[in-house]
């Protein structure tokens, strides 16, 4: 995945970042733990929150390493 910094339309810097599945799984697992409270029995989870947690759980089956990171960055994360 490439990270770019712009000043207006001028490219200031560009950096290629590489992640392996171990790092992605650690970040994904941390995010699932962070959002576990959404799924408590006494709460009603919105569909977008359900979709986000499903996306996180299914990420290894649905994407390669680079695709998973790009898809995660593009996902509209519910608050």
PDB file of N, CA and C in Angstrom:
ATOM      1  N   UNK A   1       0.854  -1.163   0.000  1.00  0.00           N
ATOM      2  CA  UNK A   1       0.000   0.000   0.000  1.00  0.00           C
ATOM      3  C   UNK A   1       0.895   1.219   0.000  1.00  0.00           C
ATOM      4  N   UNK A   2       0.481   2.258  -0.710  1.00  0.00           N
ATOM      5  CA  UNK A   2       1.245   3.490  -0.787  1.00  0.00           C
ATOM      6  C   UNK A   2       0.532   4.587  -0.027  1.00  0.00           C
ATOM      7  N   UNK A   3       1.297   5.310   0.776  1.00  0.00           N
ATOM      8  CA  UNK A   3       0.780   6.453   1.518  1.00  0.00           C
ATOM      9  C   UNK A   3       1.353   7.707   0.877  1.00  0.00           C
ATOM     10  N   UNK A   4       0.494   8.653   0.513  1.00  0.00           N
ATOM     11  CA  UNK A   4       0.938   9.878  -0.149  1.00  0.00           C
ATOM     12  C   UNK A   4       0.509  11.094   0.648  1.00  0.00           C
ATOM     13  N   UNK A   5       1.376  12.108   0.654  1.00  0.00           N
ATOM     14  CA  UNK A   5       1.080  13.368   1.328  1.00  0.00           C
ATOM     15  C   UNK A   5       1.049  14.459   0.265  1.00  0.00           C
ATOM     16  N   UNK A   6      -0.051  15.235   0.260  1.00  0.00           N
ATOM     17  CA  UNK A   6      -0.226  16.291  -0.723  1.00  0.00           C
ATOM     18  C   UNK A   6      -0.337  17.647  -0.045  1.00  0.00           C
ATOM     19  N   UNK A   7       0.123  18.690  -0.748  1.00  0.00           N
ATOM     20  CA  UNK A   7      -0.141  20.083  -0.380  1.00  0.00           C
ATOM     21  C   UNK A   7      -0.971  20.617  -1.537  1.00  0.00           C
ATOM     22  N   UNK A   8      -2.279  20.654  -1.333  1.00  0.00           N
ATOM     23  CA  UNK A   8      -3.167  20.969  -2.455  1.00  0.00           C
ATOM     24  C   UNK A   8      -3.121  19.805  -3.416  1.00  0.00           C
ATOM     25  N   UNK A   9      -2.697  20.067  -4.647  1.00  0.00           N
ATOM     26  CA  UNK A   9      -2.567  18.996  -5.637  1.00  0.00           C
ATOM     27  C   UNK A   9      -1.119  18.561  -5.827  1.00  0.00           C
ATOM     28  N   UNK A  10      -0.187  19.198  -5.122  1.00  0.00           N
ATOM     29  CA  UNK A  10       1.233  18.876  -5.256  1.00  0.00           C
ATOM     30  C   UNK A  10       1.608  17.721  -4.325  1.00  0.00           C
ATOM     31  N   UNK A  11       2.211  16.693  -4.902  1.00  0.00           N
ATOM     32  CA  UNK A  11       2.663  15.546  -4.127  1.00  0.00           C
ATOM     33  C   UNK A  11       3.916  15.933  -3.349  1.00  0.00           C
ATOM     34  N   UNK A  12       3.856  15.846  -2.033  1.00  0.00           N
ATOM     35  CA  UNK A  12       4.992  16.194  -1.178  1.00  0.00           C
ATOM     36  C   UNK A  12       5.859  14.967  -0.908  1.00  0.00           C
ATOM     37  N   UNK A  13       5.230  13.852  -0.567  1.00  0.00           N
ATOM     38  CA  UNK A  13       5.988  12.622  -0.334  1.00  0.00           C
ATOM     39  C   UNK A  13       5.101  11.414  -0.584  1.00  0.00           C
ATOM     40  N   UNK A  14       5.755  10.316  -0.866  1.00  0.00           N
ATOM     41  CA  UNK A  14       5.057   9.062  -1.102  1.00  0.00           C
ATOM     42  C   UNK A  14       5.885   7.953  -0.469  1.00  0.00           C
ATOM     43  N   UNK A  15       5.216   7.049   0.230  1.00  0.00           N
ATOM     44  CA  UNK A  15       5.913   5.971   0.925  1.00  0.00           C
ATOM     45  C   UNK A  15       5.137   4.678   0.716  1.00  0.00           C
ATOM     46  N   UNK A  16       5.836   3.647   0.312  1.00  0.00           N
ATOM     47  CA  UNK A  16       5.221   2.338   0.159  1.00  0.00           C
ATOM     48  C   UNK A  16       5.344   1.594   1.479  1.00  0.00           C
ATOM     49  N   UNK A  17       4.199   1.161   1.982  1.00  0.00           N
ATOM     50  CA  UNK A  17       4.176   0.439   3.249  1.00  0.00           C
ATOM     51  C   UNK A  17       3.884  -1.025   2.976  1.00  0.00           C
ATOM     52  N   UNK A  18       4.557  -1.880   3.680  1.00  0.00           N
ATOM     53  CA  UNK A  18       4.316  -3.295   3.499  1.00  0.00           C
ATOM     54  C   UNK A  18       3.914  -3.915   4.830  1.00  0.00           C
ATOM     55  N   UNK A  19       2.904  -4.734   4.781  1.00  0.00           N
ATOM     56  CA  UNK A  19       2.397  -5.414   5.968  1.00  0.00           C
ATOM     57  C   UNK A  19       2.287  -6.890   5.649  1.00  0.00           C
ATOM     58  N   UNK A  20       2.521  -7.702   6.637  1.00  0.00           N
ATOM     59  CA  UNK A  20       2.299  -9.124   6.423  1.00  0.00           C
ATOM     60  C   UNK A  20       1.035  -9.533   7.183  1.00  0.00           C
ATOM     61  N   UNK A  21       0.593 -10.757   6.945  1.00  0.00           N
ATOM     62  CA  UNK A  21      -0.657 -11.211   7.558  1.00  0.00           C
ATOM     63  C   UNK A  21      -0.583 -11.202   9.072  1.00  0.00           C
ATOM     64  N   UNK A  22       0.597 -11.473   9.621  1.00  0.00           N
ATOM     65  CA  UNK A  22       0.724 -11.463  11.080  1.00  0.00           C
ATOM     66  C   UNK A  22       0.377 -10.081  11.638  1.00  0.00           C
ATOM     67  N   UNK A  23       0.925  -9.031  11.037  1.00  0.00           N
ATOM     68  CA  UNK A  23       0.635  -7.664  11.493  1.00  0.00           C
ATOM     69  C   UNK A  23      -0.827  -7.302  11.264  1.00  0.00           C
ATOM     70  N   UNK A  24      -1.352  -7.677  10.098  1.00  0.00           N
ATOM     71  CA  UNK A  24      -2.753  -7.380   9.801  1.00  0.00           C
ATOM     72  C   UNK A  24      -3.689  -8.101  10.772  1.00  0.00           C
ATOM     73  N   UNK A  25      -3.398  -9.353  11.067  1.00  0.00           N
ATOM     74  CA  UNK A  25      -4.239 -10.101  12.010  1.00  0.00           C
ATOM     75  C   UNK A  25      -4.190  -9.492  13.409  1.00  0.00           C
ATOM     76  N   UNK A  26      -3.012  -9.055  13.836  1.00  0.00           N
ATOM     77  CA  UNK A  26      -2.904  -8.416  15.150  1.00  0.00           C
ATOM     78  C   UNK A  26      -3.752  -7.150  15.201  1.00  0.00           C
ATOM     79  N   UNK A  27      -3.660  -6.319  14.158  1.00  0.00           N
ATOM     80  CA  UNK A  27      -4.442  -5.080  14.116  1.00  0.00           C
ATOM     81  C   UNK A  27      -5.932  -5.394  14.030  1.00  0.00           C
ATOM     82  N   UNK A  28      -6.286  -6.378  13.210  1.00  0.00           N
ATOM     83  CA  UNK A  28      -7.691  -6.771  13.069  1.00  0.00           C
ATOM     84  C   UNK A  28      -8.238  -7.319  14.379  1.00  0.00           C
ATOM     85  N   UNK A  29      -7.481  -8.183  15.033  1.00  0.00           N
ATOM     86  CA  UNK A  29      -7.928  -8.751  16.305  1.00  0.00           C
ATOM     87  C   UNK A  29      -8.098  -7.670  17.365  1.00  0.00           C
ATOM     88  N   UNK A  30      -7.197  -6.702  17.378  1.00  0.00           N
ATOM     89  CA  UNK A  30      -7.314  -5.588  18.326  1.00  0.00           C
ATOM     90  C   UNK A  30      -8.576  -4.779  18.039  1.00  0.00           C
ATOM     91  N   UNK A  31      -8.879  -4.577  16.769  1.00  0.00           N
ATOM     92  CA  UNK A  31     -10.084  -3.823  16.398  1.00  0.00           C
ATOM     93  C   UNK A  31     -11.345  -4.599  16.774  1.00  0.00           C
ATOM     94  N   UNK A  32     -11.338  -5.908  16.587  1.00  0.00           N
ATOM     95  CA  UNK A  32     -12.486  -6.719  17.004  1.00  0.00           C
ATOM     96  C   UNK A  32     -12.679  -6.642  18.519  1.00  0.00           C
ATOM     97  N   UNK A  33     -11.582  -6.719  19.268  1.00  0.00           N
ATOM     98  CA  UNK A  33     -11.694  -6.597  20.726  1.00  0.00           C
ATOM     99  C   UNK A  33     -12.223  -5.225  21.119  1.00  0.00           C
ATOM    100  N   UNK A  34     -11.749  -4.195  20.421  1.00  0.00           N
ATOM    101  CA  UNK A  34     -12.176  -2.824  20.717  1.00  0.00           C
ATOM    102  C   UNK A  34     -13.668  -2.636  20.472  1.00  0.00           C
ATOM    103  N   UNK A  35     -14.226  -3.399  19.541  1.00  0.00           N
ATOM    104  CA  UNK A  35     -15.643  -3.242  19.201  1.00  0.00           C
ATOM    105  C   UNK A  35     -16.521  -4.348  19.788  1.00  0.00           C
ATOM    106  N   UNK A  36     -15.954  -5.218  20.617  1.00  0.00           N
ATOM    107  CA  UNK A  36     -16.745  -6.289  21.245  1.00  0.00           C
ATOM    108  C   UNK A  36     -17.941  -5.745  22.020  1.00  0.00           C
ATOM    109  N   UNK A  37     -17.797  -4.598  22.644  1.00  0.00           N
ATOM    110  CA  UNK A  37     -18.901  -4.044  23.445  1.00  0.00           C
ATOM    111  C   UNK A  37     -20.133  -3.737  22.590  1.00  0.00           C
ATOM    112  N   UNK A  38     -19.939  -3.577  21.275  1.00  0.00           N
ATOM    113  CA  UNK A  38     -21.087  -3.357  20.390  1.00  0.00           C
ATOM    114  C   UNK A  38     -22.030  -4.560  20.413  1.00  0.00           C
ATOM    115  N   UNK A  39     -21.484  -5.747  20.683  1.00  0.00           N
ATOM    116  CA  UNK A  39     -22.251  -6.990  20.564  1.00  0.00           C
ATOM    117  C   UNK A  39     -22.775  -7.517  21.901  1.00  0.00           C
ATOM    118  N   UNK A  40     -22.731  -6.724  22.940  1.00  0.00           N
ATOM    119  CA  UNK A  40     -23.261  -7.168  24.228  1.00  0.00           C
ATOM    120  C   UNK A  40     -24.760  -7.437  24.125  1.00  0.00           C
ATOM    121  N   UNK A  41     -25.253  -8.386  24.904  1.00  0.00           N
ATOM    122  CA  UNK A  41     -26.655  -8.798  24.822  1.00  0.00           C
ATOM    123  C   UNK A  41     -27.636  -7.672  25.100  1.00  0.00           C
ATOM    124  N   UNK A  42     -27.249  -6.723  25.938  1.00  0.00           N
ATOM    125  CA  UNK A  42     -28.189  -5.654  26.286  1.00  0.00           C
ATOM    126  C   UNK A  42     -28.117  -4.467  25.323  1.00  0.00           C
ATOM    127  N   UNK A  43     -27.422  -4.636  24.209  1.00  0.00           N
ATOM    128  CA  UNK A  43     -27.316  -3.559  23.218  1.00  0.00           C
ATOM    129  C   UNK A  43     -27.858  -4.027  21.877  1.00  0.00           C
ATOM    130  N   UNK A  44     -28.321  -3.080  21.100  1.00  0.00           N
ATOM    131  CA  UNK A  44     -28.755  -3.369  19.738  1.00  0.00           C
ATOM    132  C   UNK A  44     -27.692  -2.800  18.804  1.00  0.00           C
ATOM    133  N   UNK A  45     -27.069  -3.682  18.035  1.00  0.00           N
ATOM    134  CA  UNK A  45     -26.006  -3.263  17.134  1.00  0.00           C
ATOM    135  C   UNK A  45     -26.602  -2.854  15.793  1.00  0.00           C
ATOM    136  N   UNK A  46     -26.169  -1.696  15.291  1.00  0.00           N
ATOM    137  CA  UNK A  46     -26.648  -1.235  13.988  1.00  0.00           C
ATOM    138  C   UNK A  46     -26.126  -2.163  12.894  1.00  0.00           C
ATOM    139  N   UNK A  47     -26.785  -2.150  11.749  1.00  0.00           N
ATOM    140  CA  UNK A  47     -26.364  -2.995  10.637  1.00  0.00           C
ATOM    141  C   UNK A  47     -24.968  -2.616  10.161  1.00  0.00           C
ATOM    142  N   UNK A  48     -24.635  -1.321  10.159  1.00  0.00           N
ATOM    143  CA  UNK A  48     -23.297  -0.935   9.700  1.00  0.00           C
ATOM    144  C   UNK A  48     -22.213  -1.444  10.658  1.00  0.00           C
ATOM    145  N   UNK A  49     -22.509  -1.521  11.944  1.00  0.00           N
ATOM    146  CA  UNK A  49     -21.548  -2.082  12.895  1.00  0.00           C
ATOM    147  C   UNK A  49     -21.422  -3.594  12.692  1.00  0.00           C
ATOM    148  N   UNK A  50     -22.540  -4.273  12.434  1.00  0.00           N
ATOM    149  CA  UNK A  50     -22.501  -5.708  12.132  1.00  0.00           C
ATOM    150  C   UNK A  50     -21.670  -5.954  10.875  1.00  0.00           C
ATOM    151  N   UNK A  51     -21.906  -5.126   9.850  1.00  0.00           N
ATOM    152  CA  UNK A  51     -21.169  -5.268   8.590  1.00  0.00           C
ATOM    153  C   UNK A  51     -19.672  -5.067   8.791  1.00  0.00           C
ATOM    154  N   UNK A  52     -19.300  -4.101   9.623  1.00  0.00           N
ATOM    155  CA  UNK A  52     -17.885  -3.824   9.880  1.00  0.00           C
ATOM    156  C   UNK A  52     -17.226  -5.012  10.586  1.00  0.00           C
ATOM    157  N   UNK A  53     -17.886  -5.542  11.600  1.00  0.00           N
ATOM    158  CA  UNK A  53     -17.308  -6.681  12.315  1.00  0.00           C
ATOM    159  C   UNK A  53     -17.244  -7.925  11.417  1.00  0.00           C
ATOM    160  N   UNK A  54     -18.229  -8.106  10.558  1.00  0.00           N
ATOM    161  CA  UNK A  54     -18.187  -9.209   9.594  1.00  0.00           C
ATOM    162  C   UNK A  54     -17.032  -9.011   8.621  1.00  0.00           C
ATOM    163  N   UNK A  55     -16.862  -7.791   8.137  1.00  0.00           N
ATOM    164  CA  UNK A  55     -15.747  -7.462   7.247  1.00  0.00           C
ATOM    165  C   UNK A  55     -14.419  -7.834   7.915  1.00  0.00           C
ATOM    166  N   UNK A  56     -14.246  -7.441   9.181  1.00  0.00           N
ATOM    167  CA  UNK A  56     -13.000  -7.742   9.891  1.00  0.00           C
ATOM    168  C   UNK A  56     -12.793  -9.245  10.039  1.00  0.00           C
ATOM    169  N   UNK A  57     -13.835  -9.962  10.435  1.00  0.00           N
ATOM    170  CA  UNK A  57     -13.708 -11.413  10.630  1.00  0.00           C
ATOM    171  C   UNK A  57     -13.392 -12.134   9.320  1.00  0.00           C
ATOM    172  N   UNK A  58     -13.995 -11.678   8.221  1.00  0.00           N
ATOM    173  CA  UNK A  58     -13.842 -12.359   6.934  1.00  0.00           C
ATOM    174  C   UNK A  58     -12.638 -11.881   6.123  1.00  0.00           C
ATOM    175  N   UNK A  59     -11.935 -10.883   6.621  1.00  0.00           N
ATOM    176  CA  UNK A  59     -10.834 -10.287   5.864  1.00  0.00           C
ATOM    177  C   UNK A  59      -9.817 -11.310   5.342  1.00  0.00           C
ATOM    178  N   UNK A  60      -9.308 -12.238   6.148  1.00  0.00           N
ATOM    179  CA  UNK A  60      -8.306 -13.183   5.632  1.00  0.00           C
ATOM    180  C   UNK A  60      -8.831 -14.069   4.499  1.00  0.00           C
ATOM    181  N   UNK A  61     -10.109 -14.401   4.523  1.00  0.00           N
ATOM    182  CA  UNK A  61     -10.674 -15.262   3.480  1.00  0.00           C
ATOM    183  C   UNK A  61     -10.978 -14.493   2.199  1.00  0.00           C
ATOM    184  N   UNK A  62     -11.192 -13.188   2.312  1.00  0.00           N
ATOM    185  CA  UNK A  62     -11.650 -12.414   1.163  1.00  0.00           C
ATOM    186  C   UNK A  62     -10.577 -11.593   0.459  1.00  0.00           C
ATOM    187  N   UNK A  63      -9.413 -11.403   1.086  1.00  0.00           N
ATOM    188  CA  UNK A  63      -8.396 -10.520   0.510  1.00  0.00           C
ATOM    189  C   UNK A  63      -7.012 -11.117   0.659  1.00  0.00           C
ATOM    190  N   UNK A  64      -6.101 -10.680  -0.256  1.00  0.00           N
ATOM    191  CA  UNK A  64      -4.688 -10.945  -0.017  1.00  0.00           C
ATOM    192  C   UNK A  64      -4.185  -9.840   0.910  1.00  0.00           C
ATOM    193  N   UNK A  65      -2.917  -9.881   1.291  1.00  0.00           N
ATOM    194  CA  UNK A  65      -2.402  -8.912   2.264  1.00  0.00           C
ATOM    195  C   UNK A  65      -2.633  -7.470   1.836  1.00  0.00           C
ATOM    196  N   UNK A  66      -2.178  -7.132   0.637  1.00  0.00           N
ATOM    197  CA  UNK A  66      -2.297  -5.751   0.164  1.00  0.00           C
ATOM    198  C   UNK A  66      -3.756  -5.357  -0.010  1.00  0.00           C
ATOM    199  N   UNK A  67      -4.569  -6.265  -0.524  1.00  0.00           N
ATOM    200  CA  UNK A  67      -5.984  -5.974  -0.731  1.00  0.00           C
ATOM    201  C   UNK A  67      -6.721  -5.757   0.578  1.00  0.00           C
ATOM    202  N   UNK A  68      -6.356  -6.516   1.608  1.00  0.00           N
ATOM    203  CA  UNK A  68      -7.001  -6.370   2.913  1.00  0.00           C
ATOM    204  C   UNK A  68      -6.721  -5.006   3.506  1.00  0.00           C
ATOM    205  N   UNK A  69      -5.484  -4.580   3.437  1.00  0.00           N
ATOM    206  CA  UNK A  69      -5.122  -3.281   3.999  1.00  0.00           C
ATOM    207  C   UNK A  69      -5.818  -2.158   3.246  1.00  0.00           C
ATOM    208  N   UNK A  70      -5.827  -2.232   1.922  1.00  0.00           N
ATOM    209  CA  UNK A  70      -6.488  -1.200   1.118  1.00  0.00           C
ATOM    210  C   UNK A  70      -7.987  -1.175   1.398  1.00  0.00           C
ATOM    211  N   UNK A  71      -8.610  -2.338   1.469  1.00  0.00           N
ATOM    212  CA  UNK A  71     -10.052  -2.401   1.726  1.00  0.00           C
ATOM    213  C   UNK A  71     -10.381  -1.857   3.106  1.00  0.00           C
ATOM    214  N   UNK A  72      -9.529  -2.145   4.088  1.00  0.00           N
ATOM    215  CA  UNK A  72      -9.763  -1.671   5.445  1.00  0.00           C
ATOM    216  C   UNK A  72      -9.687  -0.149   5.501  1.00  0.00           C
ATOM    217  N   UNK A  73      -8.709   0.423   4.798  1.00  0.00           N
ATOM    218  CA  UNK A  73      -8.572   1.880   4.772  1.00  0.00           C
ATOM    219  C   UNK A  73      -9.759   2.544   4.079  1.00  0.00           C
ATOM    220  N   UNK A  74     -10.381   1.847   3.139  1.00  0.00           N
ATOM    221  CA  UNK A  74     -11.512   2.416   2.398  1.00  0.00           C
ATOM    222  C   UNK A  74     -12.849   2.168   3.094  1.00  0.00           C
ATOM    223  N   UNK A  75     -12.897   1.255   4.053  1.00  0.00           N
ATOM    224  CA  UNK A  75     -14.145   0.912   4.727  1.00  0.00           C
ATOM    225  C   UNK A  75     -14.609   2.085   5.582  1.00  0.00           C
ATOM    226  N   UNK A  76     -15.879   2.420   5.487  1.00  0.00           N
ATOM    227  CA  UNK A  76     -16.457   3.498   6.294  1.00  0.00           C
ATOM    228  C   UNK A  76     -16.730   2.948   7.693  1.00  0.00           C
ATOM    229  N   UNK A  77     -15.815   3.208   8.621  1.00  0.00           N
ATOM    230  CA  UNK A  77     -15.886   2.633   9.962  1.00  0.00           C
ATOM    231  C   UNK A  77     -16.948   3.352  10.793  1.00  0.00           C
ATOM    232  N   UNK A  78     -17.934   2.614  11.292  1.00  0.00           N
ATOM    233  CA  UNK A  78     -18.991   3.235  12.105  1.00  0.00           C
ATOM    234  C   UNK A  78     -18.469   3.673  13.470  1.00  0.00           C
ATOM    235  N   UNK A  79     -19.140   4.655  14.026  1.00  0.00           N
ATOM    236  CA  UNK A  79     -18.745   5.142  15.363  1.00  0.00           C
ATOM    237  C   UNK A  79     -19.783   4.785  16.391  1.00  0.00           C
TER     238      UNK A  79
END
